[in-house]
Amino acid sequence: MLTGIGFIYTTVGPFISTSDATEDSPSKHYAQALKDDASAYLATDGDHDGSVLESEWRKYLEQYPHQPSKEEFARMVLATYQ
């Protein structure tokens, strides 16, 4: 019998990482760059298309059946990394 274990289903689950991004590490900086690109993309109605957002969006399209637009993907990123 398992107790104290719960499962949360979310459409942005692929962004959840097991690495420790709380330290001053490259993964923390990469996550910040992804958030920055997503914010800029949404703020400029898609005129600013950062390389980190583009890279992660393409990886997502290859790995998961849900095919969001880049705008939807940027919103998912921001919802994931609050």
Protein backbone atom coordinates (compact mmCIF):
# COMPACT_ATOMS: atom_id res chain seq x y z
CA MET A 1 0.00 0.00 0.00
CA LEU A 2 1.37 3.38 -1.03
CA THR A 3 0.51 6.39 1.03
CA GLY A 4 1.51 10.00 0.67
CA ILE A 5 2.12 9.73 -3.06
CA GLY A 6 0.01 11.71 -5.47
CA PHE A 7 0.02 12.20 -9.19
CA ILE A 8 -0.74 15.47 -10.95
CA TYR A 9 -1.68 15.48 -14.61
CA THR A 10 -0.88 18.62 -16.54
CA THR A 11 -0.44 19.52 -20.17
CA VAL A 12 2.83 21.21 -19.33
CA GLY A 13 4.30 18.18 -17.59
CA PRO A 14 7.21 17.78 -20.04
CA PHE A 15 8.77 20.94 -18.62
CA ILE A 16 8.97 19.58 -15.10
CA SER A 17 12.56 18.61 -14.46
CA THR A 18 14.17 16.37 -11.90
CA SER A 19 17.36 18.42 -11.91
CA ASP A 20 18.05 20.83 -9.10
CA ALA A 21 17.46 24.22 -10.70
CA THR A 22 17.43 25.99 -7.34
CA GLU A 23 21.19 26.42 -7.35
CA ASP A 24 23.10 28.85 -9.53
CA SER A 25 23.43 26.28 -12.28
CA PRO A 26 23.20 26.23 -16.08
CA SER A 27 19.74 24.64 -15.89
CA LYS A 28 18.47 27.58 -13.85
CA HIS A 29 19.91 30.03 -16.38
CA TYR A 30 18.46 28.03 -19.28
CA ALA A 31 15.02 28.03 -17.67
CA GLN A 32 15.28 31.80 -17.17
CA ALA A 33 16.29 32.26 -20.83
CA LEU A 34 13.30 30.16 -21.88
CA LYS A 35 10.97 32.30 -19.75
CA ASP A 36 12.52 35.47 -21.14
CA ASP A 37 12.07 34.28 -24.73
CA ALA A 38 8.47 33.23 -24.05
CA SER A 39 7.66 36.58 -22.44
CA ALA A 40 9.25 38.53 -25.29
CA TYR A 41 7.44 36.41 -27.88
CA LEU A 42 4.07 37.08 -26.29
CA ALA A 43 4.76 40.76 -25.61
CA THR A 44 5.70 41.40 -29.25
CA ASP A 45 2.91 39.28 -30.76
CA GLY A 46 5.50 36.89 -32.16
CA ASP A 47 7.88 39.47 -33.64
CA HIS A 48 10.67 38.54 -31.21
CA ASP A 49 11.39 34.85 -31.70
CA GLY A 50 14.19 33.78 -29.34
CA SER A 51 16.41 30.81 -30.06
CA VAL A 52 15.77 29.04 -26.73
CA LEU A 53 11.99 29.16 -27.17
CA GLU A 54 12.30 27.98 -30.78
CA SER A 55 14.55 25.08 -29.79
CA GLU A 56 12.30 23.88 -26.96
CA TRP A 57 9.15 24.26 -29.07
CA ARG A 58 10.64 22.06 -31.81
CA LYS A 59 11.72 19.44 -29.25
CA TYR A 60 8.20 19.43 -27.81
CA LEU A 61 6.65 18.96 -31.26
CA GLU A 62 8.88 15.94 -31.88
CA GLN A 63 8.15 14.26 -28.54
CA TYR A 64 4.50 14.85 -27.70
CA PRO A 65 1.25 14.31 -29.60
CA HIS A 66 -0.25 17.63 -28.49
CA GLN A 67 0.84 20.11 -31.19
CA PRO A 68 0.47 23.62 -29.78
CA SER A 69 1.10 26.77 -31.75
CA LYS A 70 4.20 28.64 -30.70
CA GLU A 71 1.98 31.16 -28.88
CA GLU A 72 0.28 28.36 -26.93
CA PHE A 73 3.68 26.87 -26.18
CA ALA A 74 4.99 30.20 -24.86
CA ARG A 75 1.94 30.46 -22.59
CA MET A 76 2.56 26.91 -21.36
CA VAL A 77 6.17 27.77 -20.57
CA LEU A 78 5.15 30.80 -18.53
CA ALA A 79 2.47 28.82 -16.71
CA THR A 80 5.02 26.13 -15.86
CA TYR A 81 7.83 28.39 -14.69
CA GLN A 82 6.08 30.87 -12.42
